Amino acid sequence: MGNLTRNPELRYTPSGTPVASFGLAVSRRFKQGDDLKEEVCFVDIVVFGKQAEHCGQYLSKGNGAIVEGRLQQRRWETEDGQKRSKHEVVAQTVTFMPKRQESGSSVESPVHDEPGYEMGEEG
């Protein structure tokens, strides 16, 4: 669950399948001692088919979404021969979250204060 960092980019494969891609910022709040910390993870999302068209039509930067899917690593080589790779989530379902109200209320991520939620100790 997070907020879109950019508007979805909708395109079509040569066979006509819709594909949308967008970025999602996923925040995690946790306590470290007496301090409240926040960590943000930026995730690239790819979605296919009718859902891709719906994402392109109804989502925009700043909207909240819940994405369920699988992790995928893409690998390629640049024109100058450098090897590159990136991880992305291939969405199976994208649930649109209600838009934020003008009062500034939003969906907050929970605060984790269980042992083991210190930065770098997840597992």
PDB file of N, CA and C in Angstrom:
ATOM      1  N   MET A   1       0.850  -1.168   0.000  1.00  0.00           N
ATOM      2  CA  MET A   1       0.000   0.000   0.000  1.00  0.00           C
ATOM      3  C   MET A   1       0.898   1.233   0.000  1.00  0.00           C
ATOM      4  N   GLY A   2       0.590   2.181  -0.882  1.00  0.00           N
ATOM      5  CA  GLY A   2       1.384   3.390  -0.960  1.00  0.00           C
ATOM      6  C   GLY A   2       0.714   4.424  -1.843  1.00  0.00           C
ATOM      7  N   ASN A   3       1.475   5.468  -2.176  1.00  0.00           N
ATOM      8  CA  ASN A   3       0.994   6.556  -3.026  1.00  0.00           C
ATOM      9  C   ASN A   3       1.794   6.597  -4.318  1.00  0.00           C
ATOM     10  N   LEU A   4       1.100   6.887  -5.418  1.00  0.00           N
ATOM     11  CA  LEU A   4       1.771   6.962  -6.707  1.00  0.00           C
ATOM     12  C   LEU A   4       2.743   8.135  -6.739  1.00  0.00           C
ATOM     13  N   THR A   5       3.931   7.882  -7.265  1.00  0.00           N
ATOM     14  CA  THR A   5       4.951   8.927  -7.374  1.00  0.00           C
ATOM     15  C   THR A   5       4.924   9.606  -8.741  1.00  0.00           C
ATOM     16  N   ARG A   6       4.213   9.012  -9.677  1.00  0.00           N
ATOM     17  CA  ARG A   6       4.053   9.606 -11.011  1.00  0.00           C
ATOM     18  C   ARG A   6       2.774   9.066 -11.633  1.00  0.00           C
ATOM     19  N   ASN A   7       2.265   9.773 -12.616  1.00  0.00           N
ATOM     20  CA  ASN A   7       1.071   9.316 -13.325  1.00  0.00           C
ATOM     21  C   ASN A   7       1.376   8.005 -14.044  1.00  0.00           C
ATOM     22  N   PRO A   8       0.403   7.095 -14.100  1.00  0.00           N
ATOM     23  CA  PRO A   8       0.633   5.859 -14.846  1.00  0.00           C
ATOM     24  C   PRO A   8       0.897   6.148 -16.326  1.00  0.00           C
ATOM     25  N   GLU A   9       1.829   5.410 -16.893  1.00  0.00           N
ATOM     26  CA  GLU A   9       2.141   5.508 -18.330  1.00  0.00           C
ATOM     27  C   GLU A   9       1.506   4.310 -19.005  1.00  0.00           C
ATOM     28  N   LEU A  10       0.510   4.555 -19.844  1.00  0.00           N
ATOM     29  CA  LEU A  10      -0.208   3.472 -20.528  1.00  0.00           C
ATOM     30  C   LEU A  10       0.329   3.334 -21.947  1.00  0.00           C
ATOM     31  N   ARG A  11       0.679   2.119 -22.321  1.00  0.00           N
ATOM     32  CA  ARG A  11       1.119   1.825 -23.689  1.00  0.00           C
ATOM     33  C   ARG A  11       0.576   0.453 -24.071  1.00  0.00           C
ATOM     34  N   TYR A  12       0.846   0.027 -25.276  1.00  0.00           N
ATOM     35  CA  TYR A  12       0.320  -1.247 -25.771  1.00  0.00           C
ATOM     36  C   TYR A  12       1.444  -2.066 -26.380  1.00  0.00           C
ATOM     37  N   THR A  13       1.413  -3.374 -26.141  1.00  0.00           N
ATOM     38  CA  THR A  13       2.402  -4.265 -26.749  1.00  0.00           C
ATOM     39  C   THR A  13       2.087  -4.382 -28.240  1.00  0.00           C
ATOM     40  N   PRO A  14       3.018  -4.902 -29.046  1.00  0.00           N
ATOM     41  CA  PRO A  14       2.741  -5.074 -30.478  1.00  0.00           C
ATOM     42  C   PRO A  14       1.481  -5.916 -30.755  1.00  0.00           C
ATOM     43  N   SER A  15       1.137  -6.818 -29.820  1.00  0.00           N
ATOM     44  CA  SER A  15      -0.061  -7.635 -30.020  1.00  0.00           C
ATOM     45  C   SER A  15      -1.332  -6.941 -29.514  1.00  0.00           C
ATOM     46  N   GLY A  16      -1.178  -5.718 -28.955  1.00  0.00           N
ATOM     47  CA  GLY A  16      -2.340  -4.945 -28.521  1.00  0.00           C
ATOM     48  C   GLY A  16      -2.690  -5.035 -27.052  1.00  0.00           C
ATOM     49  N   THR A  17      -1.890  -5.725 -26.249  1.00  0.00           N
ATOM     50  CA  THR A  17      -2.157  -5.845 -24.815  1.00  0.00           C
ATOM     51  C   THR A  17      -1.810  -4.541 -24.103  1.00  0.00           C
ATOM     52  N   PRO A  18      -2.745  -3.977 -23.322  1.00  0.00           N
ATOM     53  CA  PRO A  18      -2.446  -2.765 -22.564  1.00  0.00           C
ATOM     54  C   PRO A  18      -1.454  -3.049 -21.429  1.00  0.00           C
ATOM     55  N   VAL A  19      -0.504  -2.124 -21.234  1.00  0.00           N
ATOM     56  CA  VAL A  19       0.481  -2.218 -20.154  1.00  0.00           C
ATOM     57  C   VAL A  19       0.597  -0.839 -19.519  1.00  0.00           C
ATOM     58  N   ALA A  20       0.436  -0.773 -18.201  1.00  0.00           N
ATOM     59  CA  ALA A  20       0.627   0.492 -17.486  1.00  0.00           C
ATOM     60  C   ALA A  20       1.771   0.324 -16.505  1.00  0.00           C
ATOM     61  N   SER A  21       2.546   1.365 -16.343  1.00  0.00           N
ATOM     62  CA  SER A  21       3.626   1.352 -15.350  1.00  0.00           C
ATOM     63  C   SER A  21       3.555   2.648 -14.553  1.00  0.00           C
ATOM     64  N   PHE A  22       3.866   2.524 -13.261  1.00  0.00           N
ATOM     65  CA  PHE A  22       3.896   3.687 -12.376  1.00  0.00           C
ATOM     66  C   PHE A  22       4.769   3.374 -11.173  1.00  0.00           C
ATOM     67  N   GLY A  23       5.130   4.411 -10.445  1.00  0.00           N
ATOM     68  CA  GLY A  23       5.918   4.255  -9.234  1.00  0.00           C
ATOM     69  C   GLY A  23       5.024   4.360  -8.015  1.00  0.00           C
ATOM     70  N   LEU A  24       5.383   3.629  -6.962  1.00  0.00           N
ATOM     71  CA  LEU A  24       4.631   3.644  -5.718  1.00  0.00           C
ATOM     72  C   LEU A  24       5.600   3.898  -4.575  1.00  0.00           C
ATOM     73  N   ALA A  25       5.280   4.863  -3.719  1.00  0.00           N
ATOM     74  CA  ALA A  25       6.073   5.128  -2.518  1.00  0.00           C
ATOM     75  C   ALA A  25       5.376   4.441  -1.350  1.00  0.00           C
ATOM     76  N   VAL A  26       6.080   3.516  -0.720  1.00  0.00           N
ATOM     77  CA  VAL A  26       5.536   2.751   0.392  1.00  0.00           C
ATOM     78  C   VAL A  26       6.262   3.192   1.657  1.00  0.00           C
ATOM     79  N   SER A  27       5.510   3.765   2.609  1.00  0.00           N
ATOM     80  CA  SER A  27       6.095   4.282   3.846  1.00  0.00           C
ATOM     81  C   SER A  27       5.934   3.283   4.972  1.00  0.00           C
ATOM     82  N   ARG A  28       6.895   3.313   5.867  1.00  0.00           N
ATOM     83  CA  ARG A  28       6.843   2.497   7.067  1.00  0.00           C
ATOM     84  C   ARG A  28       7.272   3.377   8.225  1.00  0.00           C
ATOM     85  N   ARG A  29       6.413   3.463   9.227  1.00  0.00           N
ATOM     86  CA  ARG A  29       6.749   4.221  10.431  1.00  0.00           C
ATOM     87  C   ARG A  29       7.054   3.239  11.539  1.00  0.00           C
ATOM     88  N   PHE A  30       8.093   3.550  12.310  1.00  0.00           N
ATOM     89  CA  PHE A  30       8.478   2.659  13.391  1.00  0.00           C
ATOM     90  C   PHE A  30       9.147   3.468  14.495  1.00  0.00           C
ATOM     91  N   LYS A  31       9.183   2.878  15.669  1.00  0.00           N
ATOM     92  CA  LYS A  31       9.841   3.526  16.802  1.00  0.00           C
ATOM     93  C   LYS A  31      11.252   2.997  16.908  1.00  0.00           C
ATOM     94  N   GLN A  32      12.171   3.915  17.126  1.00  0.00           N
ATOM     95  CA  GLN A  32      13.561   3.541  17.380  1.00  0.00           C
ATOM     96  C   GLN A  32      13.920   4.241  18.680  1.00  0.00           C
ATOM     97  N   GLY A  33      13.901   3.475  19.756  1.00  0.00           N
ATOM     98  CA  GLY A  33      14.038   4.092  21.069  1.00  0.00           C
ATOM     99  C   GLY A  33      12.795   4.914  21.345  1.00  0.00           C
ATOM    100  N   ASP A  34      12.983   6.195  21.665  1.00  0.00           N
ATOM    101  CA  ASP A  34      11.847   7.089  21.892  1.00  0.00           C
ATOM    102  C   ASP A  34      11.467   7.881  20.639  1.00  0.00           C
ATOM    103  N   ASP A  35      12.236   7.715  19.558  1.00  0.00           N
ATOM    104  CA  ASP A  35      11.993   8.487  18.340  1.00  0.00           C
ATOM    105  C   ASP A  35      11.073   7.737  17.383  1.00  0.00           C
ATOM    106  N   LEU A  36      10.237   8.500  16.680  1.00  0.00           N
ATOM    107  CA  LEU A  36       9.387   7.958  15.628  1.00  0.00           C
ATOM    108  C   LEU A  36      10.107   8.201  14.305  1.00  0.00           C
ATOM    109  N   LYS A  37      10.398   7.125  13.597  1.00  0.00           N
ATOM    110  CA  LYS A  37      11.133   7.203  12.331  1.00  0.00           C
ATOM    111  C   LYS A  37      10.205   6.828  11.188  1.00  0.00           C
ATOM    112  N   GLU A  38      10.560   7.308   9.989  1.00  0.00           N
ATOM    113  CA  GLU A  38       9.821   6.924   8.792  1.00  0.00           C
ATOM    114  C   GLU A  38      10.811   6.532   7.712  1.00  0.00           C
ATOM    115  N   GLU A  39      10.503   5.436   7.050  1.00  0.00           N
ATOM    116  CA  GLU A  39      11.333   4.923   5.969  1.00  0.00           C
ATOM    117  C   GLU A  39      10.439   4.784   4.741  1.00  0.00           C
ATOM    118  N   VAL A  40      10.922   5.224   3.595  1.00  0.00           N
ATOM    119  CA  VAL A  40      10.128   5.147   2.366  1.00  0.00           C
ATOM    120  C   VAL A  40      10.855   4.254   1.367  1.00  0.00           C
ATOM    121  N   CYS A  41      10.095   3.345   0.768  1.00  0.00           N
ATOM    122  CA  CYS A  41      10.622   2.452  -0.262  1.00  0.00           C
ATOM    123  C   CYS A  41       9.911   2.794  -1.570  1.00  0.00           C
ATOM    124  N   PHE A  42      10.654   2.998  -2.630  1.00  0.00           N
ATOM    125  CA  PHE A  42      10.080   3.328  -3.932  1.00  0.00           C
ATOM    126  C   PHE A  42      10.076   2.071  -4.797  1.00  0.00           C
ATOM    127  N   VAL A  43       8.879   1.713  -5.297  1.00  0.00           N
ATOM    128  CA  VAL A  43       8.693   0.461  -6.022  1.00  0.00           C
ATOM    129  C   VAL A  43       8.106   0.763  -7.396  1.00  0.00           C
ATOM    130  N   ASP A  44       8.668   0.143  -8.441  1.00  0.00           N
ATOM    131  CA  ASP A  44       8.107   0.250  -9.791  1.00  0.00           C
ATOM    132  C   ASP A  44       7.052  -0.825  -9.960  1.00  0.00           C
ATOM    133  N   ILE A  45       5.890  -0.434 -10.502  1.00  0.00           N
ATOM    134  CA  ILE A  45       4.759  -1.328 -10.686  1.00  0.00           C
ATOM    135  C   ILE A  45       4.461  -1.452 -12.176  1.00  0.00           C
ATOM    136  N   VAL A  46       4.150  -2.672 -12.632  1.00  0.00           N
ATOM    137  CA  VAL A  46       3.729  -2.933 -14.006  1.00  0.00           C
ATOM    138  C   VAL A  46       2.429  -3.718 -13.926  1.00  0.00           C
ATOM    139  N   VAL A  47       1.429  -3.300 -14.702  1.00  0.00           N
ATOM    140  CA  VAL A  47       0.133  -3.975 -14.692  1.00  0.00           C
ATOM    141  C   VAL A  47      -0.343  -4.144 -16.138  1.00  0.00           C
ATOM    142  N   PHE A  48      -0.997  -5.277 -16.422  1.00  0.00           N
ATOM    143  CA  PHE A  48      -1.406  -5.618 -17.787  1.00  0.00           C
ATOM    144  C   PHE A  48      -2.924  -5.686 -17.921  1.00  0.00           C
ATOM    145  N   GLY A  49      -3.387  -5.666 -19.158  1.00  0.00           N
ATOM    146  CA  GLY A  49      -4.785  -5.917 -19.477  1.00  0.00           C
ATOM    147  C   GLY A  49      -5.724  -4.786 -19.109  1.00  0.00           C
ATOM    148  N   LYS A  50      -6.963  -5.162 -18.822  1.00  0.00           N
ATOM    149  CA  LYS A  50      -8.009  -4.184 -18.514  1.00  0.00           C
ATOM    150  C   LYS A  50      -7.632  -3.350 -17.289  1.00  0.00           C
ATOM    151  N   GLN A  51      -6.977  -3.994 -16.300  1.00  0.00           N
ATOM    152  CA  GLN A  51      -6.540  -3.248 -15.116  1.00  0.00           C
ATOM    153  C   GLN A  51      -5.574  -2.135 -15.484  1.00  0.00           C
ATOM    154  N   ALA A  52      -4.723  -2.387 -16.475  1.00  0.00           N
ATOM    155  CA  ALA A  52      -3.771  -1.367 -16.926  1.00  0.00           C
ATOM    156  C   ALA A  52      -4.526  -0.154 -17.454  1.00  0.00           C
ATOM    157  N   GLU A  53      -5.578  -0.424 -18.249  1.00  0.00           N
ATOM    158  CA  GLU A  53      -6.379   0.681 -18.783  1.00  0.00           C
ATOM    159  C   GLU A  53      -7.086   1.438 -17.665  1.00  0.00           C
ATOM    160  N   HIS A  54      -7.603   0.722 -16.672  1.00  0.00           N
ATOM    161  CA  HIS A  54      -8.258   1.385 -15.544  1.00  0.00           C
ATOM    162  C   HIS A  54      -7.268   2.235 -14.747  1.00  0.00           C
ATOM    163  N   CYS A  55      -6.063   1.721 -14.540  1.00  0.00           N
ATOM    164  CA  CYS A  55      -5.031   2.496 -13.825  1.00  0.00           C
ATOM    165  C   CYS A  55      -4.713   3.768 -14.598  1.00  0.00           C
ATOM    166  N   GLY A  56      -4.551   3.644 -15.917  1.00  0.00           N
ATOM    167  CA  GLY A  56      -4.248   4.804 -16.741  1.00  0.00           C
ATOM    168  C   GLY A  56      -5.360   5.839 -16.728  1.00  0.00           C
ATOM    169  N   GLN A  57      -6.593   5.372 -16.616  1.00  0.00           N
ATOM    170  CA  GLN A  57      -7.739   6.272 -16.657  1.00  0.00           C
ATOM    171  C   GLN A  57      -8.048   6.909 -15.305  1.00  0.00           C
ATOM    172  N   TYR A  58      -7.916   6.155 -14.220  1.00  0.00           N
ATOM    173  CA  TYR A  58      -8.414   6.621 -12.926  1.00  0.00           C
ATOM    174  C   TYR A  58      -7.353   6.993 -11.900  1.00  0.00           C
ATOM    175  N   LEU A  59      -6.112   6.569 -12.086  1.00  0.00           N
ATOM    176  CA  LEU A  59      -5.068   6.886 -11.114  1.00  0.00           C
ATOM    177  C   LEU A  59      -4.209   8.046 -11.592  1.00  0.00           C
ATOM    178  N   SER A  60      -3.675   8.800 -10.641  1.00  0.00           N
ATOM    179  CA  SER A  60      -2.721   9.855 -10.964  1.00  0.00           C
ATOM    180  C   SER A  60      -1.765  10.030  -9.794  1.00  0.00           C
ATOM    181  N   LYS A  61      -0.719  10.775 -10.017  1.00  0.00           N
ATOM    182  CA  LYS A  61       0.294  11.022  -8.996  1.00  0.00           C
ATOM    183  C   LYS A  61      -0.377  11.471  -7.701  1.00  0.00           C
ATOM    184  N   GLY A  62       0.039  10.862  -6.584  1.00  0.00           N
ATOM    185  CA  GLY A  62      -0.498  11.209  -5.280  1.00  0.00           C
ATOM    186  C   GLY A  62      -1.621  10.316  -4.806  1.00  0.00           C
ATOM    187  N   ASN A  63      -2.298   9.618  -5.733  1.00  0.00           N
ATOM    188  CA  ASN A  63      -3.372   8.697  -5.338  1.00  0.00           C
ATOM    189  C   ASN A  63      -2.796   7.521  -4.556  1.00  0.00           C
ATOM    190  N   GLY A  64      -3.600   6.988  -3.653  1.00  0.00           N
ATOM    191  CA  GLY A  64      -3.216   5.793  -2.922  1.00  0.00           C
ATOM    192  C   GLY A  64      -3.674   4.549  -3.649  1.00  0.00           C
ATOM    193  N   ALA A  65      -2.919   3.464  -3.496  1.00  0.00           N
ATOM    194  CA  ALA A  65      -3.280   2.194  -4.121  1.00  0.00           C
ATOM    195  C   ALA A  65      -2.697   1.044  -3.307  1.00  0.00           C
ATOM    196  N   ILE A  66      -3.412  -0.064  -3.341  1.00  0.00           N
ATOM    197  CA  ILE A  66      -2.903  -1.314  -2.778  1.00  0.00           C
ATOM    198  C   ILE A  66      -2.605  -2.220  -3.968  1.00  0.00           C
ATOM    199  N   VAL A  67      -1.377  -2.709  -4.044  1.00  0.00           N
ATOM    200  CA  VAL A  67      -0.954  -3.536  -5.174  1.00  0.00           C
ATOM    201  C   VAL A  67      -0.593  -4.922  -4.655  1.00  0.00           C
ATOM    202  N   GLU A  68      -1.171  -5.940  -5.281  1.00  0.00           N
ATOM    203  CA  GLU A  68      -0.815  -7.319  -4.984  1.00  0.00           C
ATOM    204  C   GLU A  68      -0.254  -7.923  -6.254  1.00  0.00           C
ATOM    205  N   GLY A  69       0.872  -8.621  -6.126  1.00  0.00           N
ATOM    206  CA  GLY A  69       1.472  -9.209  -7.310  1.00  0.00           C
ATOM    207  C   GLY A  69       2.722  -9.981  -6.986  1.00  0.00           C
ATOM    208  N   ARG A  70       3.544 -10.141  -8.004  1.00  0.00           N
ATOM    209  CA  ARG A  70       4.788 -10.904  -7.843  1.00  0.00           C
ATOM    210  C   ARG A  70       5.981 -10.026  -8.188  1.00  0.00           C
ATOM    211  N   LEU A  71       7.091 -10.343  -7.575  1.00  0.00           N
ATOM    212  CA  LEU A  71       8.336  -9.646  -7.869  1.00  0.00           C
ATOM    213  C   LEU A  71       8.957 -10.217  -9.131  1.00  0.00           C
ATOM    214  N   GLN A  72       9.540  -9.340  -9.926  1.00  0.00           N
ATOM    215  CA  GLN A  72      10.198  -9.762 -11.163  1.00  0.00           C
ATOM    216  C   GLN A  72      11.485  -8.963 -11.313  1.00  0.00           C
ATOM    217  N   GLN A  73      12.531  -9.618 -11.761  1.00  0.00           N
ATOM    218  CA  GLN A  73      13.778  -8.924 -12.072  1.00  0.00           C
ATOM    219  C   GLN A  73      13.954  -8.910 -13.579  1.00  0.00           C
ATOM    220  N   ARG A  74      14.126  -7.706 -14.115  1.00  0.00           N
ATOM    221  CA  ARG A  74      14.411  -7.572 -15.553  1.00  0.00           C
ATOM    222  C   ARG A  74      15.896  -7.287 -15.718  1.00  0.00           C
ATOM    223  N   ARG A  75      16.507  -7.878 -16.731  1.00  0.00           N
ATOM    224  CA  ARG A  75      17.925  -7.649 -17.022  1.00  0.00           C
ATOM    225  C   ARG A  75      18.068  -7.256 -18.486  1.00  0.00           C
ATOM    226  N   TRP A  76      18.990  -6.325 -18.732  1.00  0.00           N
ATOM    227  CA  TRP A  76      19.261  -5.907 -20.102  1.00  0.00           C
ATOM    228  C   TRP A  76      20.675  -5.360 -20.184  1.00  0.00           C
ATOM    229  N   GLU A  77      21.097  -5.118 -21.399  1.00  0.00           N
ATOM    230  CA  GLU A  77      22.424  -4.570 -21.646  1.00  0.00           C
ATOM    231  C   GLU A  77      22.264  -3.257 -22.397  1.00  0.00           C
ATOM    232  N   THR A  78      22.989  -2.233 -21.962  1.00  0.00           N
ATOM    233  CA  THR A  78      22.907  -0.927 -22.609  1.00  0.00           C
ATOM    234  C   THR A  78      23.651  -0.973 -23.942  1.00  0.00           C
ATOM    235  N   GLU A  79      23.463   0.071 -24.731  1.00  0.00           N
ATOM    236  CA  GLU A  79      24.127   0.135 -26.038  1.00  0.00           C
ATOM    237  C   GLU A  79      25.638   0.086 -25.920  1.00  0.00           C
ATOM    238  N   ASP A  80      26.176   0.592 -24.791  1.00  0.00           N
ATOM    239  CA  ASP A  80      27.633   0.566 -24.617  1.00  0.00           C
ATOM    240  C   ASP A  80      28.109  -0.685 -23.865  1.00  0.00           C
ATOM    241  N   GLY A  81      27.229  -1.698 -23.737  1.00  0.00           N
ATOM    242  CA  GLY A  81      27.641  -2.985 -23.193  1.00  0.00           C
ATOM    243  C   GLY A  81      27.538  -3.146 -21.684  1.00  0.00           C
ATOM    244  N   GLN A  82      27.007  -2.172 -20.968  1.00  0.00           N
ATOM    245  CA  GLN A  82      26.882  -2.289 -19.512  1.00  0.00           C
ATOM    246  C   GLN A  82      25.637  -3.099 -19.166  1.00  0.00           C
ATOM    247  N   LYS A  83      25.804  -4.010 -18.217  1.00  0.00           N
ATOM    248  CA  LYS A  83      24.671  -4.832 -17.790  1.00  0.00           C
ATOM    249  C   LYS A  83      23.869  -4.069 -16.746  1.00  0.00           C
ATOM    250  N   ARG A  84      22.547  -4.104 -16.891  1.00  0.00           N
ATOM    251  CA  ARG A  84      21.637  -3.425 -15.970  1.00  0.00           C
ATOM    252  C   ARG A  84      20.561  -4.401 -15.527  1.00  0.00           C
ATOM    253  N   SER A  85      19.967  -4.124 -14.381  1.00  0.00           N
ATOM    254  CA  SER A  85      18.827  -4.905 -13.914  1.00  0.00           C
ATOM    255  C   SER A  85      17.986  -4.048 -12.987  1.00  0.00           C
ATOM    256  N   LYS A  86      16.725  -4.433 -12.824  1.00  0.00           N
ATOM    257  CA  LYS A  86      15.846  -3.753 -11.897  1.00  0.00           C
ATOM    258  C   LYS A  86      14.766  -4.714 -11.440  1.00  0.00           C
ATOM    259  N   HIS A  87      14.300  -4.484 -10.213  1.00  0.00           N
ATOM    260  CA  HIS A  87      13.185  -5.249  -9.675  1.00  0.00           C
ATOM    261  C   HIS A  87      11.923  -4.421  -9.818  1.00  0.00           C
ATOM    262  N   GLU A  88      10.815  -5.098 -10.085  1.00  0.00           N
ATOM    263  CA  GLU A  88       9.522  -4.438 -10.174  1.00  0.00           C
ATOM    264  C   GLU A  88       8.453  -5.418  -9.716  1.00  0.00           C
ATOM    265  N   VAL A  89       7.297  -4.887  -9.371  1.00  0.00           N
ATOM    266  CA  VAL A  89       6.167  -5.731  -9.019  1.00  0.00           C
ATOM    267  C   VAL A  89       5.254  -5.820 -10.234  1.00  0.00           C
ATOM    268  N   VAL A  90       4.962  -7.038 -10.667  1.00  0.00           N
ATOM    269  CA  VAL A  90       3.984  -7.264 -11.720  1.00  0.00           C
ATOM    270  C   VAL A  90       2.656  -7.482 -11.002  1.00  0.00           C
ATOM    271  N   ALA A  91       1.769  -6.506 -11.121  1.00  0.00           N
ATOM    272  CA  ALA A  91       0.530  -6.503 -10.345  1.00  0.00           C
ATOM    273  C   ALA A  91      -0.457  -7.534 -10.861  1.00  0.00           C
ATOM    274  N   GLN A  92      -1.068  -8.251  -9.924  1.00  0.00           N
ATOM    275  CA  GLN A  92      -2.201  -9.110 -10.248  1.00  0.00           C
ATOM    276  C   GLN A  92      -3.495  -8.347  -9.967  1.00  0.00           C
ATOM    277  N   THR A  93      -3.495  -7.571  -8.884  1.00  0.00           N
ATOM    278  CA  THR A  93      -4.645  -6.718  -8.576  1.00  0.00           C
ATOM    279  C   THR A  93      -4.150  -5.364  -8.084  1.00  0.00           C
ATOM    280  N   VAL A  94      -4.866  -4.322  -8.480  1.00  0.00           N
ATOM    281  CA  VAL A  94      -4.600  -2.963  -8.006  1.00  0.00           C
ATOM    282  C   VAL A  94      -5.914  -2.438  -7.438  1.00  0.00           C
ATOM    283  N   THR A  95      -5.903  -2.101  -6.151  1.00  0.00           N
ATOM    284  CA  THR A  95      -7.086  -1.554  -5.488  1.00  0.00           C
ATOM    285  C   THR A  95      -6.875  -0.066  -5.305  1.00  0.00           C
ATOM    286  N   PHE A  96      -7.797   0.730  -5.827  1.00  0.00           N
ATOM    287  CA  PHE A  96      -7.687   2.180  -5.715  1.00  0.00           C
ATOM    288  C   PHE A  96      -8.153   2.597  -4.316  1.00  0.00           C
ATOM    289  N   MET A  97      -7.421   3.489  -3.677  1.00  0.00           N
ATOM    290  CA  MET A  97      -7.787   4.007  -2.359  1.00  0.00           C
ATOM    291  C   MET A  97      -8.579   5.297  -2.543  1.00  0.00           C
ATOM    292  N   PRO A  98      -9.469   5.615  -1.576  1.00  0.00           N
ATOM    293  CA  PRO A  98     -10.213   6.880  -1.676  1.00  0.00           C
ATOM    294  C   PRO A  98      -9.245   8.054  -1.725  1.00  0.00           C
ATOM    295  N   LYS A  99      -9.635   9.079  -2.485  1.00  0.00           N
ATOM    296  CA  LYS A  99      -8.782  10.274  -2.574  1.00  0.00           C
ATOM    297  C   LYS A  99      -8.733  10.968  -1.224  1.00  0.00           C
ATOM    298  N   ARG A 100      -7.604  11.629  -0.950  1.00  0.00           N
ATOM    299  CA  ARG A 100      -7.458  12.381   0.290  1.00  0.00           C
ATOM    300  C   ARG A 100      -8.466  13.506   0.331  1.00  0.00           C
ATOM    301  N   GLN A 101      -8.970  13.758   1.514  1.00  0.00           N
ATOM    302  CA  GLN A 101      -9.916  14.852   1.665  1.00  0.00           C
ATOM    303  C   GLN A 101      -9.157  16.162   1.830  1.00  0.00           C
ATOM    304  N   GLU A 102      -9.831  17.260   1.540  1.00  0.00           N
ATOM    305  CA  GLU A 102      -9.205  18.582   1.609  1.00  0.00           C
ATOM    306  C   GLU A 102      -8.653  18.893   2.990  1.00  0.00           C
ATOM    307  N   SER A 103      -9.238  18.287   4.042  1.00  0.00           N
ATOM    308  CA  SER A 103      -8.796  18.570   5.405  1.00  0.00           C
ATOM    309  C   SER A 103      -7.398  18.048   5.671  1.00  0.00           C
ATOM    310  N   GLY A 104      -6.873  17.259   4.734  1.00  0.00           N
ATOM    311  CA  GLY A 104      -5.511  16.756   4.895  1.00  0.00           C
ATOM    312  C   GLY A 104      -5.463  15.372   5.504  1.00  0.00           C
ATOM    313  N   SER A 105      -6.625  14.760   5.785  1.00  0.00           N
ATOM    314  CA  SER A 105      -6.594  13.414   6.345  1.00  0.00           C
ATOM    315  C   SER A 105      -6.156  12.444   5.261  1.00  0.00           C
ATOM    316  N   SER A 106      -5.439  11.432   5.671  1.00  0.00           N
ATOM    317  CA  SER A 106      -4.963  10.439   4.713  1.00  0.00           C
ATOM    318  C   SER A 106      -4.838   9.103   5.415  1.00  0.00           C
ATOM    319  N   VAL A 107      -4.626   8.077   4.644  1.00  0.00           N
ATOM    320  CA  VAL A 107      -4.399   6.761   5.210  1.00  0.00           C
ATOM    321  C   VAL A 107      -2.972   6.742   5.740  1.00  0.00           C
ATOM    322  N   GLU A 108      -2.832   6.431   6.996  1.00  0.00           N
ATOM    323  CA  GLU A 108      -1.517   6.409   7.625  1.00  0.00           C
ATOM    324  C   GLU A 108      -1.002   4.981   7.688  1.00  0.00           C
ATOM    325  N   SER A 109       0.299   4.811   7.597  1.00  0.00           N
ATOM    326  CA  SER A 109       0.858   3.489   7.798  1.00  0.00           C
ATOM    327  C   SER A 109       1.010   3.268   9.299  1.00  0.00           C
ATOM    328  N   PRO A 110       0.863   2.023   9.749  1.00  0.00           N
ATOM    329  CA  PRO A 110       0.945   1.769  11.184  1.00  0.00           C
ATOM    330  C   PRO A 110       2.348   1.980  11.713  1.00  0.00           C
ATOM    331  N   VAL A 111       2.422   2.251  13.003  1.00  0.00           N
ATOM    332  CA  VAL A 111       3.709   2.398  13.680  1.00  0.00           C
ATOM    333  C   VAL A 111       4.056   1.045  14.270  1.00  0.00           C
ATOM    334  N   HIS A 112       5.228   0.529  13.936  1.00  0.00           N
ATOM    335  CA  HIS A 112       5.673  -0.756  14.459  1.00  0.00           C
ATOM    336  C   HIS A 112       6.613  -0.509  15.623  1.00  0.00           C
ATOM    337  N   ASP A 113       6.279  -1.061  16.790  1.00  0.00           N
ATOM    338  CA  ASP A 113       7.192  -0.905  17.917  1.00  0.00           C
ATOM    339  C   ASP A 113       7.557  -2.267  18.489  1.00  0.00           C
ATOM    340  N   GLU A 114       7.370  -3.327  17.693  1.00  0.00           N
ATOM    341  CA  GLU A 114       7.760  -4.638  18.133  1.00  0.00           C
ATOM    342  C   GLU A 114       9.277  -4.769  18.036  1.00  0.00           C
ATOM    343  N   PRO A 115       9.872  -5.625  18.863  1.00  0.00           N
ATOM    344  CA  PRO A 115      11.305  -5.868  18.740  1.00  0.00           C
ATOM    345  C   PRO A 115      11.612  -6.385  17.337  1.00  0.00           C
ATOM    346  N   GLY A 116      12.758  -6.037  16.805  1.00  0.00           N
ATOM    347  CA  GLY A 116      13.143  -6.488  15.475  1.00  0.00           C
ATOM    348  C   GLY A 116      12.731  -5.544  14.375  1.00  0.00           C
ATOM    349  N   TYR A 117      12.020  -4.473  14.695  1.00  0.00           N
ATOM    350  CA  TYR A 117      11.637  -3.508  13.683  1.00  0.00           C
ATOM    351  C   TYR A 117      12.578  -2.322  13.662  1.00  0.00           C
ATOM    352  N   GLU A 118      13.731  -2.456  14.290  1.00  0.00           N
ATOM    353  CA  GLU A 118      14.749  -1.427  14.195  1.00  0.00           C
ATOM    354  C   GLU A 118      15.243  -1.416  12.755  1.00  0.00           C
ATOM    355  N   MET A 119      15.717  -0.298  12.274  1.00  0.00           N
ATOM    356  CA  MET A 119      16.169  -0.195  10.895  1.00  0.00           C
ATOM    357  C   MET A 119      17.269  -1.224  10.637  1.00  0.00           C
ATOM    358  N   GLY A 120      17.094  -1.962   9.555  1.00  0.00           N
ATOM    359  CA  GLY A 120      18.103  -2.930   9.164  1.00  0.00           C
ATOM    360  C   GLY A 120      17.979  -4.277   9.850  1.00  0.00           C
ATOM    361  N   GLU A 121      16.950  -4.472  10.678  1.00  0.00           N
ATOM    362  CA  GLU A 121      16.818  -5.734  11.382  1.00  0.00           C
ATOM    363  C   GLU A 121      15.559  -6.496  10.984  1.00  0.00           C
ATOM    364  N   GLU A 122      14.974  -6.153   9.843  1.00  0.00           N
ATOM    365  CA  GLU A 122      13.814  -6.891   9.391  1.00  0.00           C
ATOM    366  C   GLU A 122      14.256  -8.269   8.914  1.00  0.00           C
ATOM    367  N   GLY A 123      13.343  -9.198   8.941  1.00  0.00           N
ATOM    368  CA  GLY A 123      13.724 -10.477   8.401  1.00  0.00           C
ATOM    369  C   GLY A 123      12.678 -11.456   8.417  1.00  0.00           C
TER     370      GLY A 123
END
